[in-house]
Amino acid sequence: MLTIVIAAVVLASGAPALVSSPIEESNGSKILERYLATNESQRQYLRGAEMEVDIVGSLPAVNKSGRLSAFRYISKLGEITYRVITFQGDSTVKKDVIARYMSAETEAVKQPGLGITAQNYRFKYYGAYGSGDWKLHLFRVAPRKKSQGLFEGWIWIHDQTALPVREQGRLVKSPSVFLKRVAFVRDYRIQDGFAIPTHITSSIETRIIGRAELEITFKNFTRQASANAGGRQLASLTSGGF
């Protein structure tokens, strides 16, 4: 259902149009206020979580690919670590695509103040789409300053819960001198009143190895009884070990 609703947004009359009705503007302001109010509780809920993750990386220009399976842990302090289970595929993809993504993610969460907040972003309302349980609100987001970790693009917010179901855009500042452009789509499902990550696709333009693509799937989300996050395998993956 989520895919159908979002596809309707994309296909209907080309690019979505800004709303002009005062009533629509008021509805947009209310849903945005609820969304921003849930951000902190959302972050706190994901702390102490663990899940399985499958990461498929590819370099289309040279026809190379690889797949990694791992456990992903979020500590009570918000730090992300991985425990690698298996890897199959090309060693260049392992080292220069998948391991770099994992390392960048673990470093990004150490930077404070990168959330989708009113302090970081401007929001423009583009209306409501769908109906019933899957009525969604579409917002255009643009960062107030060009800082690493922020993005410009779109967010889809669920009407009943004011939780995100999709974030889509491109980073406004490259996280590395080796990267020219990073675009992504992040999807969530709503579980027990919180948004749980389910899938990420990313297209990355690099300066050395051309375009890289990532497809990341999350599954079997649980909360940890204690936050003894692993991640010892991350170092060996980054260095080309295991």
Protein backbone atom coordinates (compact mmCIF):
# COMPACT_ATOMS: atom_id res chain seq x y z
CA MET A 1 0.00 0.00 0.00
CA LEU A 2 2.84 2.38 0.84
CA THR A 3 4.40 1.89 -2.59
CA ILE A 4 1.06 2.53 -4.31
CA VAL A 5 0.45 5.78 -2.41
CA ILE A 6 3.96 7.12 -3.03
CA ALA A 7 3.81 6.13 -6.70
CA ALA A 8 0.60 8.15 -7.00
CA VAL A 9 2.43 11.19 -5.62
CA VAL A 10 5.21 10.83 -8.16
CA LEU A 11 2.97 10.19 -11.16
CA ALA A 12 0.18 12.64 -10.54
CA SER A 13 0.65 15.67 -12.77
CA GLY A 14 4.42 15.48 -12.68
CA ALA A 15 6.02 17.24 -9.69
CA PRO A 16 3.74 17.81 -6.66
CA ALA A 17 2.42 21.34 -6.25
CA LEU A 18 2.52 23.51 -3.16
CA VAL A 19 -0.84 23.74 -1.40
CA SER A 20 -2.68 27.05 -1.61
CA SER A 21 -5.73 26.51 0.62
CA PRO A 22 -5.53 27.95 4.16
CA ILE A 23 -7.23 24.78 5.45
CA GLU A 24 -4.61 22.59 3.79
CA GLU A 25 -1.86 24.81 5.16
CA SER A 26 -3.32 24.47 8.64
CA ASN A 27 -3.52 20.68 8.31
CA GLY A 28 0.08 20.61 7.14
CA SER A 29 1.24 22.72 10.07
CA LYS A 30 -0.52 20.43 12.54
CA ILE A 31 0.93 17.21 11.11
CA LEU A 32 4.42 18.76 10.99
CA GLU A 33 4.13 19.88 14.61
CA ARG A 34 3.16 16.33 15.65
CA TYR A 35 5.98 14.85 13.56
CA LEU A 36 8.63 17.11 15.09
CA ALA A 37 7.29 16.37 18.58
CA THR A 38 7.79 12.61 18.08
CA ASN A 39 11.40 12.87 16.85
CA GLU A 40 13.10 12.57 20.22
CA SER A 41 10.95 9.66 21.42
CA GLN A 42 11.60 7.96 18.07
CA ARG A 43 15.37 8.28 18.53
CA GLN A 44 15.18 7.02 22.10
CA TYR A 45 13.10 4.00 21.06
CA LEU A 46 15.65 2.90 18.46
CA ARG A 47 18.43 3.00 21.03
CA GLY A 48 19.02 -0.48 22.42
CA ALA A 49 17.70 -2.09 19.23
CA GLU A 50 19.16 -4.88 17.16
CA MET A 51 18.23 -6.24 13.76
CA GLU A 52 19.50 -8.35 10.91
CA VAL A 53 20.73 -6.50 7.82
CA ASP A 54 21.52 -7.56 4.27
CA ILE A 55 23.68 -5.14 2.28
CA VAL A 56 24.06 -5.60 -1.47
CA GLY A 57 26.66 -3.40 -3.12
CA SER A 58 27.52 -3.09 -6.81
CA LEU A 59 29.75 -1.24 -9.27
CA PRO A 60 27.71 -1.31 -12.49
CA ALA A 61 30.47 0.07 -14.73
CA VAL A 62 32.74 -2.90 -14.02
CA ASN A 63 29.99 -5.46 -13.34
CA LYS A 64 31.10 -6.22 -9.77
CA SER A 65 28.88 -6.92 -6.78
CA GLY A 66 28.83 -8.38 -3.29
CA ARG A 67 26.41 -9.23 -0.50
CA LEU A 68 26.99 -8.94 3.24
CA SER A 69 24.80 -10.28 6.04
CA ALA A 70 25.25 -8.96 9.56
CA PHE A 71 23.64 -8.10 12.86
CA ARG A 72 23.27 -4.36 13.42
CA TYR A 73 23.22 -2.99 16.96
CA ILE A 74 22.25 0.43 18.30
CA SER A 75 23.60 0.96 21.81
CA LYS A 76 21.80 2.79 24.60
CA LEU A 77 24.05 5.75 23.74
CA GLY A 78 23.01 5.66 20.09
CA GLU A 79 26.23 4.18 18.70
CA ILE A 80 25.89 1.77 15.75
CA THR A 81 28.02 -1.34 15.41
CA TYR A 82 27.90 -4.46 13.25
CA ARG A 83 28.68 -8.13 13.72
CA VAL A 84 29.33 -9.62 10.30
CA ILE A 85 27.89 -13.07 9.54
CA THR A 86 28.85 -13.71 5.92
CA PHE A 87 30.11 -11.98 2.80
CA GLN A 88 29.99 -13.23 -0.77
CA GLY A 89 31.25 -11.42 -3.84
CA ASP A 90 33.94 -9.08 -5.08
CA SER A 91 36.58 -7.83 -2.61
CA THR A 92 36.61 -4.32 -4.13
CA VAL A 93 32.88 -3.98 -3.47
CA LYS A 94 33.41 -5.27 0.06
CA LYS A 95 36.19 -2.80 0.84
CA ASP A 96 35.29 0.30 -1.18
CA VAL A 97 31.48 0.21 -1.14
CA ILE A 98 29.97 -1.82 1.70
CA ALA A 99 32.66 -1.29 4.35
CA ARG A 100 32.83 2.44 3.59
CA TYR A 101 29.06 2.72 4.03
CA MET A 102 29.18 0.89 7.37
CA SER A 103 32.08 2.99 8.61
CA ALA A 104 30.42 6.24 7.50
CA GLU A 105 27.20 5.30 9.29
CA THR A 106 28.96 4.49 12.55
CA GLU A 107 30.80 7.84 12.40
CA ALA A 108 27.74 9.89 11.39
CA VAL A 109 25.76 9.00 14.51
CA LYS A 110 28.58 10.41 16.64
CA GLN A 111 27.87 13.88 15.26
CA PRO A 112 25.22 15.65 17.39
CA GLY A 113 22.33 17.64 16.00
CA LEU A 114 21.79 15.99 12.61
CA GLY A 115 18.12 15.07 13.06
CA ILE A 116 15.22 16.30 10.93
CA THR A 117 14.33 19.23 13.18
CA ALA A 118 13.09 22.78 12.79
CA GLN A 119 16.57 23.96 13.79
CA ASN A 120 18.15 22.09 10.86
CA TYR A 121 15.51 22.26 8.12
CA ARG A 122 12.88 24.37 6.38
CA PHE A 123 9.66 22.56 5.46
CA LYS A 124 7.20 23.19 2.62
CA TYR A 125 3.89 21.34 2.57
CA TYR A 126 2.81 19.62 -0.66
CA GLY A 127 -0.49 18.14 0.48
CA ALA A 128 -2.08 14.86 1.55
CA TYR A 129 -2.26 11.70 -0.57
CA GLY A 130 -4.08 8.41 -0.12
CA SER A 131 -6.84 7.79 2.40
CA GLY A 132 -7.77 5.84 5.50
CA ASP A 133 -4.96 3.97 7.21
CA TRP A 134 -2.50 5.05 4.52
CA LYS A 135 -3.17 8.74 4.21
CA LEU A 136 0.25 10.40 3.86
CA HIS A 137 1.46 14.00 3.99
CA LEU A 138 4.27 15.13 1.70
CA PHE A 139 6.84 17.75 2.71
CA ARG A 140 9.78 19.20 0.85
CA VAL A 141 12.77 19.64 3.18
CA ALA A 142 15.81 21.88 2.71
CA PRO A 143 18.62 22.34 5.22
CA ARG A 144 19.12 25.76 6.76
CA LYS A 145 22.87 25.41 6.24
CA LYS A 146 25.11 23.21 4.15
CA SER A 147 26.37 20.85 6.84
CA GLN A 148 27.66 17.31 6.53
CA GLY A 149 24.95 14.73 7.22
CA LEU A 150 22.02 16.94 6.16
CA PHE A 151 20.00 16.37 2.99
CA GLU A 152 17.53 18.07 0.70
CA GLY A 153 14.53 16.18 -0.61
CA TRP A 154 11.18 14.84 0.57
CA ILE A 155 9.57 13.19 3.57
CA TRP A 156 6.27 11.29 3.64
CA ILE A 157 4.51 11.38 7.02
CA HIS A 158 1.75 8.99 8.11
CA ASP A 159 -1.44 10.90 8.97
CA GLN A 160 -2.61 8.88 11.98
CA THR A 161 0.73 8.52 13.77
CA ALA A 162 2.74 11.49 12.38
CA LEU A 163 5.62 9.07 11.84
CA PRO A 164 7.86 8.98 8.74
CA VAL A 165 7.29 6.24 6.18
CA ARG A 166 9.81 7.50 3.61
CA GLU A 167 12.73 9.94 3.41
CA GLN A 168 14.25 10.63 0.01
CA GLY A 169 16.88 13.04 -1.25
CA ARG A 170 20.58 13.75 -1.58
CA LEU A 171 23.22 14.82 0.88
CA VAL A 172 24.04 18.52 0.55
CA LYS A 173 27.67 17.97 1.51
CA SER A 174 29.75 14.95 0.57
CA PRO A 175 30.90 12.89 3.56
CA SER A 176 34.22 12.16 1.82
CA VAL A 177 36.59 13.69 -0.73
CA PHE A 178 36.23 10.42 -2.66
CA LEU A 179 32.48 10.97 -3.19
CA LYS A 180 30.83 13.50 -5.49
CA ARG A 181 27.14 12.86 -4.88
CA VAL A 182 25.07 10.66 -2.56
CA ALA A 183 21.34 10.09 -3.18
CA PHE A 184 19.11 7.78 -1.13
CA VAL A 185 15.62 6.52 -0.34
CA ARG A 186 14.84 5.28 3.22
CA ASP A 187 11.62 3.39 3.95
CA TYR A 188 10.05 2.63 7.33
CA ARG A 189 7.21 0.52 8.67
CA ILE A 190 5.15 1.48 11.67
CA GLN A 191 5.35 -0.96 14.60
CA ASP A 192 4.05 -0.42 18.13
CA GLY A 193 3.75 3.31 17.52
CA PHE A 194 7.26 3.80 16.16
CA ALA A 195 8.89 3.95 12.71
CA ILE A 196 11.19 0.99 12.11
CA PRO A 197 13.69 1.09 9.20
CA THR A 198 13.01 -1.55 6.55
CA HIS A 199 14.89 -0.64 3.38
CA ILE A 200 17.45 1.80 1.98
CA THR A 201 18.57 2.27 -1.61
CA SER A 202 21.47 4.58 -2.40
CA SER A 203 23.26 5.72 -5.53
CA ILE A 204 26.74 7.14 -4.99
CA GLU A 205 28.89 8.94 -7.54
CA THR A 206 32.53 8.37 -6.64
CA ARG A 207 35.64 10.09 -7.99
CA ILE A 208 37.64 6.90 -8.51
CA ILE A 209 35.45 3.85 -9.13
CA GLY A 210 32.44 5.46 -10.83
CA ARG A 211 28.86 4.92 -9.70
CA ALA A 212 28.26 2.64 -6.75
CA GLU A 213 24.87 1.31 -5.71
CA LEU A 214 23.68 0.01 -2.36
CA GLU A 215 20.52 -1.84 -1.39
CA ILE A 216 20.05 -2.45 2.33
CA THR A 217 17.28 -4.52 3.88
CA PHE A 218 16.53 -4.63 7.62
CA LYS A 219 14.59 -7.45 9.27
CA ASN A 220 13.84 -9.12 12.62
CA PHE A 221 13.91 -5.89 14.63
CA THR A 222 14.06 -6.44 18.41
CA ARG A 223 14.95 -4.46 21.51
CA GLN A 224 18.09 -5.50 23.40
CA ALA A 225 17.83 -6.50 27.03
CA SER A 226 21.31 -5.01 27.44
CA ALA A 227 23.30 -2.94 24.96
CA ASN A 228 26.44 -5.05 24.58
CA ALA A 229 26.80 -4.08 20.93
CA GLY A 230 29.34 -6.10 19.00
CA GLY A 231 31.05 -4.83 15.89
CA ARG A 232 34.44 -6.53 16.20
CA GLN A 233 34.03 -7.79 12.64
CA LEU A 234 33.72 -4.26 11.25
CA ALA A 235 37.45 -3.61 11.53
CA SER A 236 38.34 -6.80 9.69
CA LEU A 237 35.82 -6.02 6.96
CA THR A 238 37.15 -2.50 6.44
CA SER A 239 40.72 -3.74 6.20
CA GLY A 240 39.77 -6.49 3.78
CA GLY A 241 40.19 -9.25 6.41
CA PHE A 242 37.72 -12.07 7.12
